[in-house]
Amino acid sequence: MNPTNRLDNLLKERKEEVQNEIIKNPKYEIILNFSSFQELSVDNYLKNYLIDKSKELINLQVNDAIKIGKILEEVSQELGKKGSPEGIYGNFLKYNGINSKTALRLRKRYTLFSEAPEHAKIIVSLLTVREIEELDKKRELLDKFYPGITLEEAKTFFKGEIKEIENKKEKDEENGKEITDIGIYSFLQTSLQDDLISLPEKKQKQVAKLLEKLEKLVYEG
């Protein structure tokens, strides 16, 4: 192939990739702090060059994570609708070299990204795995990411909210209060949540205890 034609094709492919990016034209300089580059002992050209390349890397990473999560969620939903035999999804993950825990985390990030207000999507895409896990348990926090919030501000706010939740949980445990709200386990499909909630109260308590153990095995194991 003529080198010029090859270059044209590559440019065309990249243009299509940019058009298909989930996070389009991100204003990372608004929500991220690149001041550490300004402290380097290099000229302004190199400082700006490193900042621009950092933005490219960040954009590539967050878009890829969201896209993979989208695909995994679509496969999971489709297999669920078709009533596929147990283990098919696991085989799909194994074939593609994806760990089941990683797959679940990517699906959660995508789901939260989809549910987030437009101005908060970029914040969700940049949260750590741990923060995504916590946000998944308390999805109403998405609405508290106000327009113009920086990632640092979001993390500070987020930590405060999570600490408050953890303190409440510890207090409930100290008072011997049982956790019976099955709805807090968002990793369950909605239809399954509905079935479990319809159980007698005694069985709901048993289910809640088992789910709490399952959650610890999945996320802390």
Protein backbone atom coordinates (compact mmCIF):
# COMPACT_ATOMS: atom_id res chain seq x y z
CA MET A 1 0.00 0.00 0.00
CA ASN A 2 1.18 3.48 -0.82
CA PRO A 3 2.53 5.15 2.38
CA THR A 4 0.41 8.23 1.70
CA ASN A 5 -2.75 6.13 1.40
CA ARG A 6 -1.83 4.25 4.56
CA LEU A 7 -1.45 7.55 6.44
CA ASP A 8 -4.79 8.78 5.07
CA ASN A 9 -6.45 5.58 6.29
CA LEU A 10 -4.92 5.91 9.74
CA LEU A 11 -6.08 9.51 10.01
CA LYS A 12 -9.56 8.47 8.90
CA GLU A 13 -9.64 5.68 11.50
CA ARG A 14 -8.53 8.07 14.24
CA LYS A 15 -11.18 10.58 13.19
CA GLU A 16 -13.83 7.86 13.47
CA GLU A 17 -12.47 6.85 16.88
CA VAL A 18 -12.72 10.44 18.11
CA GLN A 19 -16.28 10.69 16.81
CA ASN A 20 -17.16 7.48 18.66
CA GLU A 21 -15.62 8.55 21.95
CA ILE A 22 -18.08 8.47 24.80
CA ILE A 23 -16.52 11.48 26.51
CA LYS A 24 -16.34 14.09 23.76
CA ASN A 25 -14.19 17.25 23.99
CA PRO A 26 -13.48 16.86 27.73
CA LYS A 27 -12.35 19.99 29.56
CA TYR A 28 -9.86 18.21 31.80
CA GLU A 29 -8.13 21.46 32.68
CA ILE A 30 -11.33 22.55 34.45
CA ILE A 31 -11.64 19.53 36.73
CA LEU A 32 -8.04 18.32 37.00
CA ASN A 33 -4.98 19.99 38.52
CA PHE A 34 -1.95 19.99 36.21
CA SER A 35 0.08 22.42 38.36
CA SER A 36 2.78 19.79 39.07
CA PHE A 37 3.92 20.13 35.45
CA GLN A 38 4.36 23.87 35.91
CA GLU A 39 6.91 23.17 38.64
CA LEU A 40 9.20 21.21 36.31
CA SER A 41 12.50 22.78 35.28
CA VAL A 42 11.70 22.81 31.56
CA ASP A 43 10.50 25.45 29.13
CA ASN A 44 6.82 26.27 28.62
CA TYR A 45 6.65 24.32 25.38
CA LEU A 46 7.58 21.06 27.13
CA LYS A 47 5.30 21.78 30.07
CA ASN A 48 2.33 22.26 27.77
CA TYR A 49 3.39 19.27 25.67
CA LEU A 50 3.41 16.99 28.74
CA ILE A 51 0.06 18.34 29.89
CA ASP A 52 -1.48 17.74 26.45
CA LYS A 53 -0.10 14.19 26.32
CA SER A 54 -1.40 13.53 29.83
CA LYS A 55 -4.85 14.62 28.69
CA GLU A 56 -4.60 12.26 25.71
CA LEU A 57 -3.68 9.33 27.98
CA ILE A 58 -6.45 10.13 30.46
CA ASN A 59 -8.99 10.46 27.67
CA LEU A 60 -7.93 7.15 26.15
CA GLN A 61 -8.09 5.34 29.48
CA VAL A 62 -11.48 6.65 30.59
CA ASN A 63 -13.12 6.15 27.20
CA ASP A 64 -11.81 2.61 26.91
CA ALA A 65 -13.00 1.74 30.43
CA ILE A 66 -16.50 3.07 29.74
CA LYS A 67 -16.68 1.36 26.33
CA ILE A 68 -15.59 -2.01 27.74
CA GLY A 69 -18.08 -1.65 30.59
CA LYS A 70 -20.82 -0.91 28.04
CA ILE A 71 -20.03 -4.06 26.06
CA LEU A 72 -19.92 -6.23 29.18
CA GLU A 73 -23.23 -4.82 30.43
CA GLU A 74 -24.85 -5.42 27.03
CA VAL A 75 -23.63 -9.03 26.96
CA SER A 76 -24.84 -9.65 30.52
CA GLN A 77 -28.27 -8.17 29.77
CA GLU A 78 -28.62 -10.08 26.50
CA LEU A 79 -27.69 -13.41 28.09
CA GLY A 80 -30.14 -12.67 30.89
CA LYS A 81 -32.97 -11.98 28.43
CA LYS A 82 -32.24 -15.17 26.50
CA GLY A 83 -32.18 -17.24 29.66
CA SER A 84 -28.74 -18.59 28.80
CA PRO A 85 -27.34 -21.48 30.88
CA GLU A 86 -25.29 -20.56 33.93
CA GLY A 87 -21.60 -20.14 33.19
CA ILE A 88 -21.94 -18.77 29.64
CA TYR A 89 -21.07 -15.23 30.74
CA GLY A 90 -18.07 -16.57 32.67
CA ASN A 91 -16.89 -18.41 29.55
CA PHE A 92 -17.26 -15.20 27.57
CA LEU A 93 -15.09 -13.34 30.09
CA LYS A 94 -12.50 -16.12 30.15
CA TYR A 95 -12.23 -16.16 26.36
CA ASN A 96 -11.60 -12.41 26.35
CA GLY A 97 -9.12 -12.55 29.22
CA ILE A 98 -11.23 -10.49 31.63
CA ASN A 99 -11.33 -11.24 35.36
CA SER A 100 -14.90 -11.51 36.72
CA LYS A 101 -14.25 -8.90 39.45
CA THR A 102 -12.77 -6.50 36.91
CA ALA A 103 -15.75 -7.08 34.63
CA LEU A 104 -18.19 -6.26 37.41
CA ARG A 105 -16.32 -3.06 38.26
CA LEU A 106 -16.26 -1.96 34.62
CA ARG A 107 -19.99 -2.61 34.30
CA LYS A 108 -20.64 -0.56 37.44
CA ARG A 109 -18.57 2.33 36.14
CA TYR A 110 -20.48 2.28 32.86
CA THR A 111 -23.87 2.06 34.61
CA LEU A 112 -23.04 4.96 36.93
CA PHE A 113 -21.66 6.93 33.99
CA SER A 114 -24.93 6.37 32.11
CA GLU A 115 -27.05 7.44 35.08
CA ALA A 116 -24.96 10.51 35.96
CA PRO A 117 -26.08 14.02 34.93
CA GLU A 118 -24.19 15.22 31.86
CA HIS A 119 -21.87 17.52 33.85
CA ALA A 120 -21.02 14.70 36.28
CA LYS A 121 -20.16 12.02 33.71
CA ILE A 122 -16.54 13.07 33.43
CA ILE A 123 -16.20 12.98 37.24
CA VAL A 124 -17.55 9.42 37.37
CA SER A 125 -15.14 8.37 34.62
CA LEU A 126 -12.18 9.55 36.72
CA LEU A 127 -13.11 8.07 40.11
CA THR A 128 -11.00 5.27 41.57
CA VAL A 129 -12.22 1.67 41.74
CA ARG A 130 -12.88 2.05 45.47
CA GLU A 131 -14.88 5.24 44.93
CA ILE A 132 -16.93 3.58 42.19
CA GLU A 133 -17.76 0.72 44.58
CA GLU A 134 -18.94 3.17 47.23
CA LEU A 135 -20.86 5.33 44.76
CA ASP A 136 -22.63 2.23 43.46
CA LYS A 137 -24.01 1.66 46.97
CA LYS A 138 -25.17 5.26 47.31
CA ARG A 139 -26.23 6.34 43.83
CA GLU A 140 -28.17 9.38 45.02
CA LEU A 141 -24.79 11.07 45.51
CA LEU A 142 -24.62 11.45 41.72
CA ASP A 143 -27.11 14.30 41.92
CA LYS A 144 -24.87 16.14 44.40
CA PHE A 145 -22.03 16.56 41.89
CA TYR A 146 -22.91 20.12 40.92
CA PRO A 147 -21.94 21.71 37.56
CA GLY A 148 -18.37 23.01 37.58
CA ILE A 149 -17.20 20.78 40.43
CA THR A 150 -13.54 19.77 40.17
CA LEU A 151 -12.34 16.19 40.68
CA GLU A 152 -10.56 17.22 43.89
CA GLU A 153 -13.73 18.85 45.24
CA ALA A 154 -15.79 15.81 44.24
CA LYS A 155 -13.41 13.46 46.04
CA THR A 156 -13.41 15.61 49.20
CA PHE A 157 -17.20 15.77 49.21
CA PHE A 158 -17.40 12.07 48.40
CA LYS A 159 -15.12 11.07 51.28
CA GLY A 160 -17.24 13.10 53.68
CA GLU A 161 -20.45 11.43 52.53
CA ILE A 162 -18.92 7.94 52.66
CA LYS A 163 -17.54 8.56 56.15
CA GLU A 164 -21.00 9.60 57.29
CA ILE A 165 -22.48 6.41 55.80
CA GLU A 166 -19.82 4.23 57.46
CA ASN A 167 -20.34 5.95 60.82
CA LYS A 168 -24.08 5.31 60.58
CA LYS A 169 -23.48 1.66 59.71
CA GLU A 170 -21.11 1.25 62.68
CA LYS A 171 -23.62 2.93 64.96
CA ASP A 172 -26.39 0.62 63.75
CA GLU A 173 -24.16 -2.40 64.34
CA GLU A 174 -23.28 -1.17 67.84
CA ASN A 175 -26.98 -0.77 68.61
CA GLY A 176 -27.65 -4.26 67.32
CA LYS A 177 -29.75 -2.98 64.42
CA GLU A 178 -29.92 -5.46 61.58
CA ILE A 179 -29.44 -4.41 57.97
CA THR A 180 -32.52 -5.62 56.12
CA ASP A 181 -32.69 -3.25 53.14
CA ILE A 182 -32.05 -5.57 50.21
CA GLY A 183 -32.26 -2.60 47.86
CA ILE A 184 -28.82 -1.36 48.94
CA TYR A 185 -27.21 -4.30 47.14
CA SER A 186 -27.27 -2.76 43.67
CA PHE A 187 -25.27 -5.63 42.15
CA LEU A 188 -28.54 -7.59 42.15
CA GLN A 189 -30.74 -7.38 39.09
CA THR A 190 -33.87 -5.31 39.71
CA SER A 191 -36.16 -8.27 39.05
CA LEU A 192 -34.31 -10.36 41.65
CA GLN A 193 -34.45 -7.49 44.16
CA ASP A 194 -38.23 -7.35 43.68
CA ASP A 195 -38.56 -11.11 44.27
CA LEU A 196 -36.46 -10.97 47.45
CA ILE A 197 -38.28 -7.94 48.82
CA SER A 198 -41.56 -9.80 48.46
CA LEU A 199 -40.33 -12.50 50.88
CA PRO A 200 -41.53 -12.57 54.51
CA GLU A 201 -39.58 -10.25 56.82
CA LYS A 202 -37.78 -13.12 58.57
CA LYS A 203 -36.48 -14.47 55.25
CA GLN A 204 -35.52 -10.96 54.11
CA LYS A 205 -33.27 -10.65 57.17
CA GLN A 206 -31.64 -13.99 56.34
CA VAL A 207 -31.14 -12.91 52.73
CA ALA A 208 -29.65 -9.56 53.82
CA LYS A 209 -27.08 -11.32 56.03
CA LEU A 210 -26.08 -13.63 53.19
CA LEU A 211 -25.82 -10.72 50.75
CA GLU A 212 -23.61 -8.80 53.17
CA LYS A 213 -21.25 -11.80 53.35
CA LEU A 214 -21.34 -12.14 49.56
CA GLU A 215 -20.52 -8.46 49.11
CA LYS A 216 -17.48 -8.78 51.39
CA LEU A 217 -16.27 -11.85 49.50
CA VAL A 218 -16.60 -10.12 46.14
CA TYR A 219 -15.22 -6.67 46.97
CA GLU A 220 -12.87 -7.29 49.87
CA GLY A 221 -11.68 -10.77 49.00
